[in-house]
């Protein structure tokens, strides 16, 4: 990771419900990248849908083994967990990608209104 320009975080997705802690070996990989960040040698981190270990509904985290993203590319709709709790600060800049489900999502009551 120290030699990488970009790191893609797609370890856990929205299918992991509730605050889920990363398990080994992903836990050790995240810890190593976090150590690089402390030394300002970490690559640019892009999270897929949400940073692994962040609850998609509450933004809660089970423990500190979550990789802070520089940008989170999320699909369909912005997950509430990217707007609240620790998830809001761990997600970095949030970019929404349209995947063609906008009409269906417009009919759903949002968990968080901004």
PDB file of N, CA and C in Angstrom:
ATOM      1  N   UNK A   1       0.822  -1.206   0.000  1.00  0.00           N
ATOM      2  CA  UNK A   1       0.000   0.000   0.000  1.00  0.00           C
ATOM      3  C   UNK A   1       0.857   1.257   0.000  1.00  0.00           C
ATOM      4  N   UNK A   2       2.035   1.193   0.590  1.00  0.00           N
ATOM      5  CA  UNK A   2       2.891   2.379   0.639  1.00  0.00           C
ATOM      6  C   UNK A   2       3.322   2.819  -0.757  1.00  0.00           C
ATOM      7  N   UNK A   3       3.376   1.899  -1.703  1.00  0.00           N
ATOM      8  CA  UNK A   3       3.790   2.237  -3.067  1.00  0.00           C
ATOM      9  C   UNK A   3       2.604   2.580  -3.971  1.00  0.00           C
ATOM     10  N   UNK A   4       1.391   2.413  -3.473  1.00  0.00           N
ATOM     11  CA  UNK A   4       0.194   2.646  -4.289  1.00  0.00           C
ATOM     12  C   UNK A   4      -0.186   4.121  -4.290  1.00  0.00           C
ATOM     13  N   UNK A   5      -0.757   4.563  -5.392  1.00  0.00           N
ATOM     14  CA  UNK A   5      -1.298   5.920  -5.461  1.00  0.00           C
ATOM     15  C   UNK A   5      -2.742   5.954  -4.965  1.00  0.00           C
ATOM     16  N   UNK A   6      -3.494   4.878  -5.250  1.00  0.00           N
ATOM     17  CA  UNK A   6      -4.901   4.792  -4.884  1.00  0.00           C
ATOM     18  C   UNK A   6      -5.172   3.423  -4.279  1.00  0.00           C
ATOM     19  N   UNK A   7      -5.988   3.414  -3.217  1.00  0.00           N
ATOM     20  CA  UNK A   7      -6.403   2.165  -2.593  1.00  0.00           C
ATOM     21  C   UNK A   7      -7.926   2.123  -2.639  1.00  0.00           C
ATOM     22  N   UNK A   8      -8.481   1.037  -3.123  1.00  0.00           N
ATOM     23  CA  UNK A   8      -9.926   0.866  -3.241  1.00  0.00           C
ATOM     24  C   UNK A   8     -10.418   0.031  -2.068  1.00  0.00           C
ATOM     25  N   UNK A   9     -11.308   0.603  -1.247  1.00  0.00           N
ATOM     26  CA  UNK A   9     -11.882  -0.098  -0.093  1.00  0.00           C
ATOM     27  C   UNK A   9     -13.239  -0.650  -0.491  1.00  0.00           C
ATOM     28  N   UNK A  10     -13.274  -1.945  -0.766  1.00  0.00           N
ATOM     29  CA  UNK A  10     -14.513  -2.639  -1.070  1.00  0.00           C
ATOM     30  C   UNK A  10     -14.619  -3.908  -0.248  1.00  0.00           C
ATOM     31  N   UNK A  11     -14.085  -3.874   0.961  1.00  0.00           N
ATOM     32  CA  UNK A  11     -14.025  -5.067   1.811  1.00  0.00           C
ATOM     33  C   UNK A  11     -15.431  -5.485   2.244  1.00  0.00           C
ATOM     34  N   UNK A  12     -16.166  -4.557   2.832  1.00  0.00           N
ATOM     35  CA  UNK A  12     -17.545  -4.814   3.256  1.00  0.00           C
ATOM     36  C   UNK A  12     -18.450  -3.837   2.523  1.00  0.00           C
ATOM     37  N   UNK A  13     -19.641  -4.261   2.243  1.00  0.00           N
ATOM     38  CA  UNK A  13     -20.606  -3.379   1.594  1.00  0.00           C
ATOM     39  C   UNK A  13     -21.815  -3.166   2.471  1.00  0.00           C
ATOM     40  N   UNK A  14     -22.905  -2.703   1.863  1.00  0.00           N
ATOM     41  CA  UNK A  14     -24.104  -2.417   2.641  1.00  0.00           C
ATOM     42  C   UNK A  14     -24.804  -3.688   3.114  1.00  0.00           C
ATOM     43  N   UNK A  15     -24.390  -4.837   2.616  1.00  0.00           N
ATOM     44  CA  UNK A  15     -24.966  -6.098   3.065  1.00  0.00           C
ATOM     45  C   UNK A  15     -24.567  -6.456   4.488  1.00  0.00           C
ATOM     46  N   UNK A  16     -23.516  -5.832   4.996  1.00  0.00           N
ATOM     47  CA  UNK A  16     -23.105  -6.057   6.378  1.00  0.00           C
ATOM     48  C   UNK A  16     -23.918  -5.113   7.255  1.00  0.00           C
ATOM     49  N   UNK A  17     -24.936  -5.640   7.935  1.00  0.00           N
ATOM     50  CA  UNK A  17     -25.820  -4.776   8.713  1.00  0.00           C
ATOM     51  C   UNK A  17     -25.332  -4.640  10.146  1.00  0.00           C
ATOM     52  N   UNK A  18     -25.687  -3.528  10.754  1.00  0.00           N
ATOM     53  CA  UNK A  18     -25.246  -3.234  12.109  1.00  0.00           C
ATOM     54  C   UNK A  18     -23.774  -2.900  12.111  1.00  0.00           C
ATOM     55  N   UNK A  19     -23.292  -2.359  13.211  1.00  0.00           N
ATOM     56  CA  UNK A  19     -21.860  -2.052  13.272  1.00  0.00           C
ATOM     57  C   UNK A  19     -21.047  -3.350  13.260  1.00  0.00           C
ATOM     58  N   UNK A  20     -20.365  -3.607  12.170  1.00  0.00           N
ATOM     59  CA  UNK A  20     -19.630  -4.852  11.978  1.00  0.00           C
ATOM     60  C   UNK A  20     -18.141  -4.572  12.047  1.00  0.00           C
ATOM     61  N   UNK A  21     -17.445  -5.297  12.893  1.00  0.00           N
ATOM     62  CA  UNK A  21     -15.994  -5.161  12.975  1.00  0.00           C
ATOM     63  C   UNK A  21     -15.346  -6.000  11.875  1.00  0.00           C
ATOM     64  N   UNK A  22     -14.290  -5.458  11.301  1.00  0.00           N
ATOM     65  CA  UNK A  22     -13.540  -6.218  10.305  1.00  0.00           C
ATOM     66  C   UNK A  22     -12.852  -7.395  10.968  1.00  0.00           C
ATOM     67  N   UNK A  23     -12.777  -8.499  10.245  1.00  0.00           N
ATOM     68  CA  UNK A  23     -12.072  -9.684  10.735  1.00  0.00           C
ATOM     69  C   UNK A  23     -10.752  -9.828   9.994  1.00  0.00           C
ATOM     70  N   UNK A  24      -9.889 -10.646  10.529  1.00  0.00           N
ATOM     71  CA  UNK A  24      -8.594 -10.910   9.892  1.00  0.00           C
ATOM     72  C   UNK A  24      -8.834 -11.658   8.595  1.00  0.00           C
ATOM     73  N   UNK A  25      -8.046 -11.443   7.580  1.00  0.00           N
ATOM     74  CA  UNK A  25      -6.857 -10.597   7.494  1.00  0.00           C
ATOM     75  C   UNK A  25      -7.162  -9.138   7.122  1.00  0.00           C
ATOM     76  N   UNK A  26      -8.437  -8.824   6.811  1.00  0.00           N
ATOM     77  CA  UNK A  26      -8.780  -7.444   6.427  1.00  0.00           C
ATOM     78  C   UNK A  26      -8.437  -6.466   7.543  1.00  0.00           C
ATOM     79  N   UNK A  27      -8.617  -6.873   8.773  1.00  0.00           N
ATOM     80  CA  UNK A  27      -8.322  -6.024   9.935  1.00  0.00           C
ATOM     81  C   UNK A  27      -6.855  -5.578   9.928  1.00  0.00           C
ATOM     82  N   UNK A  28      -5.951  -6.505   9.654  1.00  0.00           N
ATOM     83  CA  UNK A  28      -4.528  -6.190   9.645  1.00  0.00           C
ATOM     84  C   UNK A  28      -4.168  -5.274   8.472  1.00  0.00           C
ATOM     85  N   UNK A  29      -4.812  -5.486   7.332  1.00  0.00           N
ATOM     86  CA  UNK A  29      -4.563  -4.630   6.171  1.00  0.00           C
ATOM     87  C   UNK A  29      -4.990  -3.199   6.485  1.00  0.00           C
ATOM     88  N   UNK A  30      -6.171  -3.041   7.050  1.00  0.00           N
ATOM     89  CA  UNK A  30      -6.655  -1.704   7.414  1.00  0.00           C
ATOM     90  C   UNK A  30      -5.729  -1.062   8.434  1.00  0.00           C
ATOM     91  N   UNK A  31      -5.296  -1.814   9.422  1.00  0.00           N
ATOM     92  CA  UNK A  31      -4.371  -1.268  10.425  1.00  0.00           C
ATOM     93  C   UNK A  31      -3.066  -0.801   9.796  1.00  0.00           C
ATOM     94  N   UNK A  32      -2.558  -1.570   8.842  1.00  0.00           N
ATOM     95  CA  UNK A  32      -1.303  -1.194   8.175  1.00  0.00           C
ATOM     96  C   UNK A  32      -1.470   0.093   7.374  1.00  0.00           C
ATOM     97  N   UNK A  33      -2.579   0.232   6.686  1.00  0.00           N
ATOM     98  CA  UNK A  33      -2.822   1.453   5.905  1.00  0.00           C
ATOM     99  C   UNK A  33      -3.042   2.632   6.846  1.00  0.00           C
ATOM    100  N   UNK A  34      -3.729   2.424   7.948  1.00  0.00           N
ATOM    101  CA  UNK A  34      -3.914   3.505   8.930  1.00  0.00           C
ATOM    102  C   UNK A  34      -2.575   3.950   9.503  1.00  0.00           C
ATOM    103  N   UNK A  35      -1.663   3.012   9.696  1.00  0.00           N
ATOM    104  CA  UNK A  35      -0.316   3.362  10.181  1.00  0.00           C
ATOM    105  C   UNK A  35       0.405   4.231   9.156  1.00  0.00           C
ATOM    106  N   UNK A  36       0.257   3.907   7.886  1.00  0.00           N
ATOM    107  CA  UNK A  36       0.842   4.731   6.827  1.00  0.00           C
ATOM    108  C   UNK A  36       0.267   6.144   6.860  1.00  0.00           C
ATOM    109  N   UNK A  37      -1.020   6.245   7.132  1.00  0.00           N
ATOM    110  CA  UNK A  37      -1.666   7.563   7.185  1.00  0.00           C
ATOM    111  C   UNK A  37      -1.084   8.404   8.312  1.00  0.00           C
ATOM    112  N   UNK A  38      -0.748   7.766   9.425  1.00  0.00           N
ATOM    113  CA  UNK A  38      -0.130   8.503  10.540  1.00  0.00           C
ATOM    114  C   UNK A  38       1.225   9.068  10.123  1.00  0.00           C
ATOM    115  N   UNK A  39       1.907   8.355   9.221  1.00  0.00           N
ATOM    116  CA  UNK A  39       3.212   8.813   8.726  1.00  0.00           C
ATOM    117  C   UNK A  39       3.073   9.638   7.450  1.00  0.00           C
ATOM    118  N   UNK A  40       1.830   9.939   7.055  1.00  0.00           N
ATOM    119  CA  UNK A  40       1.530  10.718   5.853  1.00  0.00           C
ATOM    120  C   UNK A  40       2.085  10.074   4.585  1.00  0.00           C
ATOM    121  N   UNK A  41       2.053   8.745   4.542  1.00  0.00           N
ATOM    122  CA  UNK A  41       2.510   8.004   3.365  1.00  0.00           C
ATOM    123  C   UNK A  41       1.389   7.171   2.760  1.00  0.00           C
ATOM    124  N   UNK A  42       0.170   7.356   3.219  1.00  0.00           N
ATOM    125  CA  UNK A  42      -0.939   6.517   2.759  1.00  0.00           C
ATOM    126  C   UNK A  42      -1.390   6.916   1.362  1.00  0.00           C
ATOM    127  N   UNK A  43      -1.867   5.941   0.604  1.00  0.00           N
ATOM    128  CA  UNK A  43      -2.426   6.258  -0.714  1.00  0.00           C
ATOM    129  C   UNK A  43      -3.776   6.962  -0.565  1.00  0.00           C
ATOM    130  N   UNK A  44      -4.265   7.531  -1.646  1.00  0.00           N
ATOM    131  CA  UNK A  44      -5.597   8.117  -1.719  1.00  0.00           C
ATOM    132  C   UNK A  44      -6.587   6.973  -1.603  1.00  0.00           C
ATOM    133  N   UNK A  45      -7.538   7.057  -0.675  1.00  0.00           N
ATOM    134  CA  UNK A  45      -8.471   5.956  -0.425  1.00  0.00           C
ATOM    135  C   UNK A  45      -9.844   6.282  -1.005  1.00  0.00           C
ATOM    136  N   UNK A  46     -10.342   5.352  -1.845  1.00  0.00           N
ATOM    137  CA  UNK A  46     -11.681   5.455  -2.425  1.00  0.00           C
ATOM    138  C   UNK A  46     -12.507   4.308  -1.849  1.00  0.00           C
ATOM    139  N   UNK A  47     -13.584   4.638  -1.132  1.00  0.00           N
ATOM    140  CA  UNK A  47     -14.483   3.616  -0.591  1.00  0.00           C
ATOM    141  C   UNK A  47     -15.591   3.335  -1.599  1.00  0.00           C
ATOM    142  N   UNK A  48     -15.943   2.064  -1.727  1.00  0.00           N
ATOM    143  CA  UNK A  48     -17.014   1.636  -2.621  1.00  0.00           C
ATOM    144  C   UNK A  48     -18.309   1.565  -1.803  1.00  0.00           C
ATOM    145  N   UNK A  49     -19.239   2.444  -2.068  1.00  0.00           N
ATOM    146  CA  UNK A  49     -20.550   2.576  -1.438  1.00  0.00           C
ATOM    147  C   UNK A  49     -20.491   3.155  -0.029  1.00  0.00           C
ATOM    148  N   UNK A  50     -19.593   2.666   0.819  1.00  0.00           N
ATOM    149  CA  UNK A  50     -19.335   3.272   2.117  1.00  0.00           C
ATOM    150  C   UNK A  50     -18.062   2.653   2.668  1.00  0.00           C
ATOM    151  N   UNK A  51     -17.356   3.365   3.561  1.00  0.00           N
ATOM    152  CA  UNK A  51     -16.147   2.770   4.123  1.00  0.00           C
ATOM    153  C   UNK A  51     -16.467   1.463   4.852  1.00  0.00           C
ATOM    154  N   UNK A  52     -15.657   0.443   4.644  1.00  0.00           N
ATOM    155  CA  UNK A  52     -15.892  -0.854   5.280  1.00  0.00           C
ATOM    156  C   UNK A  52     -15.892  -0.709   6.791  1.00  0.00           C
ATOM    157  N   UNK A  53     -16.940  -1.265   7.417  1.00  0.00           N
ATOM    158  CA  UNK A  53     -17.071  -1.196   8.866  1.00  0.00           C
ATOM    159  C   UNK A  53     -18.014  -0.105   9.337  1.00  0.00           C
ATOM    160  N   UNK A  54     -18.530   0.721   8.407  1.00  0.00           N
ATOM    161  CA  UNK A  54     -19.498   1.769   8.749  1.00  0.00           C
ATOM    162  C   UNK A  54     -20.905   1.220   8.516  1.00  0.00           C
ATOM    163  N   UNK A  55     -21.783   1.369   9.504  1.00  0.00           N
ATOM    164  CA  UNK A  55     -23.162   0.929   9.363  1.00  0.00           C
ATOM    165  C   UNK A  55     -23.868   1.819   8.337  1.00  0.00           C
ATOM    166  N   UNK A  56     -24.504   1.231   7.313  1.00  0.00           N
ATOM    167  CA  UNK A  56     -25.112   2.035   6.251  1.00  0.00           C
ATOM    168  C   UNK A  56     -26.296   2.887   6.712  1.00  0.00           C
ATOM    169  N   UNK A  57     -26.927   2.530   7.824  1.00  0.00           N
ATOM    170  CA  UNK A  57     -28.087   3.279   8.304  1.00  0.00           C
ATOM    171  C   UNK A  57     -27.744   4.307   9.379  1.00  0.00           C
ATOM    172  N   UNK A  58     -26.872   3.938  10.319  1.00  0.00           N
ATOM    173  CA  UNK A  58     -26.608   4.817  11.462  1.00  0.00           C
ATOM    174  C   UNK A  58     -25.292   5.575  11.361  1.00  0.00           C
ATOM    175  N   UNK A  59     -24.367   5.093  10.530  1.00  0.00           N
ATOM    176  CA  UNK A  59     -23.030   5.688  10.487  1.00  0.00           C
ATOM    177  C   UNK A  59     -22.151   5.216  11.628  1.00  0.00           C
ATOM    178  N   UNK A  60     -22.659   4.306  12.448  1.00  0.00           N
ATOM    179  CA  UNK A  60     -21.895   3.784  13.579  1.00  0.00           C
ATOM    180  C   UNK A  60     -20.784   2.847  13.136  1.00  0.00           C
ATOM    181  N   UNK A  61     -19.802   2.677  14.002  1.00  0.00           N
ATOM    182  CA  UNK A  61     -18.702   1.749  13.756  1.00  0.00           C
ATOM    183  C   UNK A  61     -18.518   0.868  14.991  1.00  0.00           C
ATOM    184  N   UNK A  62     -18.132  -0.383  14.760  1.00  0.00           N
ATOM    185  CA  UNK A  62     -17.961  -1.326  15.862  1.00  0.00           C
ATOM    186  C   UNK A  62     -16.679  -1.056  16.638  1.00  0.00           C
ATOM    187  N   UNK A  63     -15.636  -0.624  15.937  1.00  0.00           N
ATOM    188  CA  UNK A  63     -14.359  -0.322  16.586  1.00  0.00           C
ATOM    189  C   UNK A  63     -13.550   0.580  15.679  1.00  0.00           C
ATOM    190  N   UNK A  64     -12.315   0.856  16.053  1.00  0.00           N
ATOM    191  CA  UNK A  64     -11.515   1.820  15.284  1.00  0.00           C
ATOM    192  C   UNK A  64     -10.929   1.258  14.000  1.00  0.00           C
ATOM    193  N   UNK A  65     -11.169   0.015  13.687  1.00  0.00           N
ATOM    194  CA  UNK A  65     -10.603  -0.607  12.487  1.00  0.00           C
ATOM    195  C   UNK A  65     -11.427  -0.277  11.245  1.00  0.00           C
ATOM    196  N   UNK A  66     -11.494   1.013  10.951  1.00  0.00           N
ATOM    197  CA  UNK A  66     -12.192   1.518   9.764  1.00  0.00           C
ATOM    198  C   UNK A  66     -11.210   2.430   9.042  1.00  0.00           C
ATOM    199  N   UNK A  67     -11.134   2.261   7.751  1.00  0.00           N
ATOM    200  CA  UNK A  67     -10.229   3.056   6.934  1.00  0.00           C
ATOM    201  C   UNK A  67     -10.915   4.349   6.528  1.00  0.00           C
ATOM    202  N   UNK A  68     -10.315   5.470   6.881  1.00  0.00           N
ATOM    203  CA  UNK A  68     -10.857   6.773   6.510  1.00  0.00           C
ATOM    204  C   UNK A  68     -10.707   6.944   5.009  1.00  0.00           C
ATOM    205  N   UNK A  69     -11.805   7.250   4.328  1.00  0.00           N
ATOM    206  CA  UNK A  69     -11.788   7.427   2.875  1.00  0.00           C
ATOM    207  C   UNK A  69     -11.579   8.897   2.518  1.00  0.00           C
ATOM    208  N   UNK A  70     -10.854   9.123   1.448  1.00  0.00           N
ATOM    209  CA  UNK A  70     -10.741  10.469   0.909  1.00  0.00           C
ATOM    210  C   UNK A  70     -11.993  10.803   0.114  1.00  0.00           C
ATOM    211  N   UNK A  71     -12.533   9.803  -0.564  1.00  0.00           N
ATOM    212  CA  UNK A  71     -13.780   9.945  -1.309  1.00  0.00           C
ATOM    213  C   UNK A  71     -14.535   8.625  -1.229  1.00  0.00           C
ATOM    214  N   UNK A  72     -15.857   8.720  -1.096  1.00  0.00           N
ATOM    215  CA  UNK A  72     -16.716   7.542  -1.132  1.00  0.00           C
ATOM    216  C   UNK A  72     -17.611   7.659  -2.350  1.00  0.00           C
ATOM    217  N   UNK A  73     -17.548   6.665  -3.219  1.00  0.00           N
ATOM    218  CA  UNK A  73     -18.409   6.611  -4.396  1.00  0.00           C
ATOM    219  C   UNK A  73     -19.566   5.691  -4.035  1.00  0.00           C
ATOM    220  N   UNK A  74     -20.759   6.263  -3.924  1.00  0.00           N
ATOM    221  CA  UNK A  74     -21.929   5.499  -3.509  1.00  0.00           C
ATOM    222  C   UNK A  74     -22.912   5.415  -4.667  1.00  0.00           C
ATOM    223  N   UNK A  75     -23.717   4.387  -4.675  1.00  0.00           N
ATOM    224  CA  UNK A  75     -24.538   4.066  -5.833  1.00  0.00           C
ATOM    225  C   UNK A  75     -26.026   4.122  -5.521  1.00  0.00           C
ATOM    226  N   UNK A  76     -26.797   4.669  -6.438  1.00  0.00           N
ATOM    227  CA  UNK A  76     -28.251   4.683  -6.320  1.00  0.00           C
ATOM    228  C   UNK A  76     -28.774   5.812  -5.468  1.00  0.00           C
ATOM    229  N   UNK A  77     -28.349   5.873  -4.230  1.00  0.00           N
ATOM    230  CA  UNK A  77     -28.758   6.912  -3.290  1.00  0.00           C
ATOM    231  C   UNK A  77     -27.728   7.028  -2.184  1.00  0.00           C
ATOM    232  N   UNK A  78     -27.672   8.193  -1.577  1.00  0.00           N
ATOM    233  CA  UNK A  78     -26.724   8.403  -0.480  1.00  0.00           C
ATOM    234  C   UNK A  78     -27.254   7.684   0.757  1.00  0.00           C
ATOM    235  N   UNK A  79     -26.452   6.795   1.309  1.00  0.00           N
ATOM    236  CA  UNK A  79     -26.842   6.045   2.489  1.00  0.00           C
ATOM    237  C   UNK A  79     -26.822   6.968   3.708  1.00  0.00           C
ATOM    238  N   UNK A  80     -27.777   6.767   4.617  1.00  0.00           N
ATOM    239  CA  UNK A  80     -27.864   7.593   5.821  1.00  0.00           C
ATOM    240  C   UNK A  80     -26.570   7.538   6.620  1.00  0.00           C
ATOM    241  N   UNK A  81     -25.904   6.388   6.625  1.00  0.00           N
ATOM    242  CA  UNK A  81     -24.661   6.236   7.379  1.00  0.00           C
ATOM    243  C   UNK A  81     -23.512   7.083   6.875  1.00  0.00           C
ATOM    244  N   UNK A  82     -23.655   7.651   5.675  1.00  0.00           N
ATOM    245  CA  UNK A  82     -22.635   8.572   5.164  1.00  0.00           C
ATOM    246  C   UNK A  82     -22.882   9.996   5.643  1.00  0.00           C
ATOM    247  N   UNK A  83     -24.043  10.234   6.260  1.00  0.00           N
ATOM    248  CA  UNK A  83     -24.430  11.574   6.683  1.00  0.00           C
ATOM    249  C   UNK A  83     -24.485  11.741   8.196  1.00  0.00           C
ATOM    250  N   UNK A  84     -24.395  10.642   8.938  1.00  0.00           N
ATOM    251  CA  UNK A  84     -24.547  10.720  10.389  1.00  0.00           C
ATOM    252  C   UNK A  84     -23.507   9.879  11.105  1.00  0.00           C
ATOM    253  N   UNK A  85     -23.343  10.162  12.399  1.00  0.00           N
ATOM    254  CA  UNK A  85     -22.406   9.425  13.229  1.00  0.00           C
ATOM    255  C   UNK A  85     -20.987   9.517  12.702  1.00  0.00           C
ATOM    256  N   UNK A  86     -20.132   8.613  13.148  1.00  0.00           N
ATOM    257  CA  UNK A  86     -18.746   8.611  12.682  1.00  0.00           C
ATOM    258  C   UNK A  86     -18.618   8.444  11.170  1.00  0.00           C
ATOM    259  N   UNK A  87     -19.595   7.779  10.551  1.00  0.00           N
ATOM    260  CA  UNK A  87     -19.562   7.568   9.107  1.00  0.00           C
ATOM    261  C   UNK A  87     -19.460   8.860   8.325  1.00  0.00           C
ATOM    262  N   UNK A  88     -20.055   9.927   8.842  1.00  0.00           N
ATOM    263  CA  UNK A  88     -20.032  11.216   8.150  1.00  0.00           C
ATOM    264  C   UNK A  88     -18.614  11.767   8.017  1.00  0.00           C
ATOM    265  N   UNK A  89     -17.769  11.514   8.997  1.00  0.00           N
ATOM    266  CA  UNK A  89     -16.389  11.999   8.913  1.00  0.00           C
ATOM    267  C   UNK A  89     -15.457  10.987   8.266  1.00  0.00           C
ATOM    268  N   UNK A  90     -15.810   9.712   8.320  1.00  0.00           N
ATOM    269  CA  UNK A  90     -14.963   8.677   7.729  1.00  0.00           C
ATOM    270  C   UNK A  90     -15.131   8.552   6.220  1.00  0.00           C
ATOM    271  N   UNK A  91     -16.225   9.069   5.684  1.00  0.00           N
ATOM    272  CA  UNK A  91     -16.534   8.906   4.262  1.00  0.00           C
ATOM    273  C   UNK A  91     -15.769   9.859   3.350  1.00  0.00           C
ATOM    274  N   UNK A  92     -15.230  10.951   3.879  1.00  0.00           N
ATOM    275  CA  UNK A  92     -14.595  11.936   3.008  1.00  0.00           C
ATOM    276  C   UNK A  92     -15.632  12.587   2.106  1.00  0.00           C
ATOM    277  N   UNK A  93     -15.227  12.976   0.914  1.00  0.00           N
ATOM    278  CA  UNK A  93     -16.164  13.563  -0.058  1.00  0.00           C
ATOM    279  C   UNK A  93     -17.042  12.440  -0.605  1.00  0.00           C
ATOM    280  N   UNK A  94     -18.350  12.655  -0.644  1.00  0.00           N
ATOM    281  CA  UNK A  94     -19.286  11.637  -1.118  1.00  0.00           C
ATOM    282  C   UNK A  94     -19.732  11.984  -2.535  1.00  0.00           C
ATOM    283  N   UNK A  95     -19.549  11.016  -3.434  1.00  0.00           N
ATOM    284  CA  UNK A  95     -19.955  11.160  -4.830  1.00  0.00           C
ATOM    285  C   UNK A  95     -21.036  10.130  -5.130  1.00  0.00           C
ATOM    286  N   UNK A  96     -22.200  10.593  -5.584  1.00  0.00           N
ATOM    287  CA  UNK A  96     -23.315   9.705  -5.910  1.00  0.00           C
ATOM    288  C   UNK A  96     -23.289   9.357  -7.390  1.00  0.00           C
ATOM    289  N   UNK A  97     -23.400   8.051  -7.687  1.00  0.00           N
ATOM    290  CA  UNK A  97     -23.440   7.567  -9.065  1.00  0.00           C
ATOM    291  C   UNK A  97     -24.847   7.050  -9.348  1.00  0.00           C
ATOM    292  N   UNK A  98     -25.464   7.562 -10.396  1.00  0.00           N
ATOM    293  CA  UNK A  98     -26.798   7.127 -10.799  1.00  0.00           C
ATOM    294  C   UNK A  98     -26.708   5.746 -11.441  1.00  0.00           C
ATOM    295  N   UNK A  99     -27.464   4.800 -10.903  1.00  0.00           N
ATOM    296  CA  UNK A  99     -27.496   3.450 -11.482  1.00  0.00           C
ATOM    297  C   UNK A  99     -28.896   3.098 -11.969  1.00  0.00           C
ATOM    298  N   UNK A 100     -29.727   4.128 -12.193  1.00  0.00           N
ATOM    299  CA  UNK A 100     -31.034   3.911 -12.786  1.00  0.00           C
ATOM    300  C   UNK A 100     -32.141   3.513 -11.836  1.00  0.00           C
ATOM    301  N   UNK A 101     -31.989   3.763 -10.539  1.00  0.00           N
ATOM    302  CA  UNK A 101     -33.056   3.410  -9.596  1.00  0.00           C
ATOM    303  C   UNK A 101     -33.661   4.653  -8.933  1.00  0.00           C
ATOM    304  N   UNK A 102     -33.436   5.813  -9.527  1.00  0.00           N
ATOM    305  CA  UNK A 102     -33.902   7.071  -8.954  1.00  0.00           C
ATOM    306  C   UNK A 102     -35.397   7.140  -8.752  1.00  0.00           C
ATOM    307  N   UNK A 103     -36.183   6.672  -9.703  1.00  0.00           N
ATOM    308  CA  UNK A 103     -37.640   6.717  -9.579  1.00  0.00           C
ATOM    309  C   UNK A 103     -38.130   5.871  -8.402  1.00  0.00           C
ATOM    310  N   UNK A 104     -37.552   4.677  -8.230  1.00  0.00           N
ATOM    311  CA  UNK A 104     -37.935   3.809  -7.117  1.00  0.00           C
ATOM    312  C   UNK A 104     -37.532   4.429  -5.779  1.00  0.00           C
ATOM    313  N   UNK A 105     -36.331   5.029  -5.722  1.00  0.00           N
ATOM    314  CA  UNK A 105     -35.875   5.645  -4.481  1.00  0.00           C
ATOM    315  C   UNK A 105     -36.690   6.876  -4.124  1.00  0.00           C
ATOM    316  N   UNK A 106     -37.177   7.604  -5.121  1.00  0.00           N
ATOM    317  CA  UNK A 106     -37.973   8.799  -4.860  1.00  0.00           C
ATOM    318  C   UNK A 106     -39.257   8.464  -4.104  1.00  0.00           C
ATOM    319  N   UNK A 107     -39.730   7.227  -4.220  1.00  0.00           N
ATOM    320  CA  UNK A 107     -40.958   6.811  -3.541  1.00  0.00           C
ATOM    321  C   UNK A 107     -40.703   6.313  -2.116  1.00  0.00           C
ATOM    322  N   UNK A 108     -39.443   6.223  -1.698  1.00  0.00           N
ATOM    323  CA  UNK A 108     -39.083   5.696  -0.382  1.00  0.00           C
ATOM    324  C   UNK A 108     -38.856   6.855   0.591  1.00  0.00           C
ATOM    325  N   UNK A 109     -39.388   6.721   1.814  1.00  0.00           N
ATOM    326  CA  UNK A 109     -39.183   7.726   2.849  1.00  0.00           C
ATOM    327  C   UNK A 109     -37.724   7.663   3.312  1.00  0.00           C
ATOM    328  N   UNK A 110     -36.974   8.780   3.214  1.00  0.00           N
ATOM    329  CA  UNK A 110     -35.566   8.749   3.627  1.00  0.00           C
ATOM    330  C   UNK A 110     -35.406   8.646   5.143  1.00  0.00           C
ATOM    331  N   UNK A 111     -34.315   8.018   5.574  1.00  0.00           N
ATOM    332  CA  UNK A 111     -33.997   7.935   6.998  1.00  0.00           C
ATOM    333  C   UNK A 111     -33.502   9.270   7.534  1.00  0.00           C
ATOM    334  N   UNK A 112     -32.799  10.010   6.707  1.00  0.00           N
ATOM    335  CA  UNK A 112     -32.217  11.292   7.095  1.00  0.00           C
ATOM    336  C   UNK A 112     -32.583  12.323   6.056  1.00  0.00           C
ATOM    337  N   UNK A 113     -33.025  13.473   6.497  1.00  0.00           N
ATOM    338  CA  UNK A 113     -33.297  14.573   5.563  1.00  0.00           C
ATOM    339  C   UNK A 113     -32.244  15.637   5.787  1.00  0.00           C
ATOM    340  N   UNK A 114     -31.717  16.148   4.660  1.00  0.00           N
ATOM    341  CA  UNK A 114     -30.719  17.207   4.777  1.00  0.00           C
ATOM    342  C   UNK A 114     -31.238  18.479   4.160  1.00  0.00           C
TER     343      UNK A 114
END
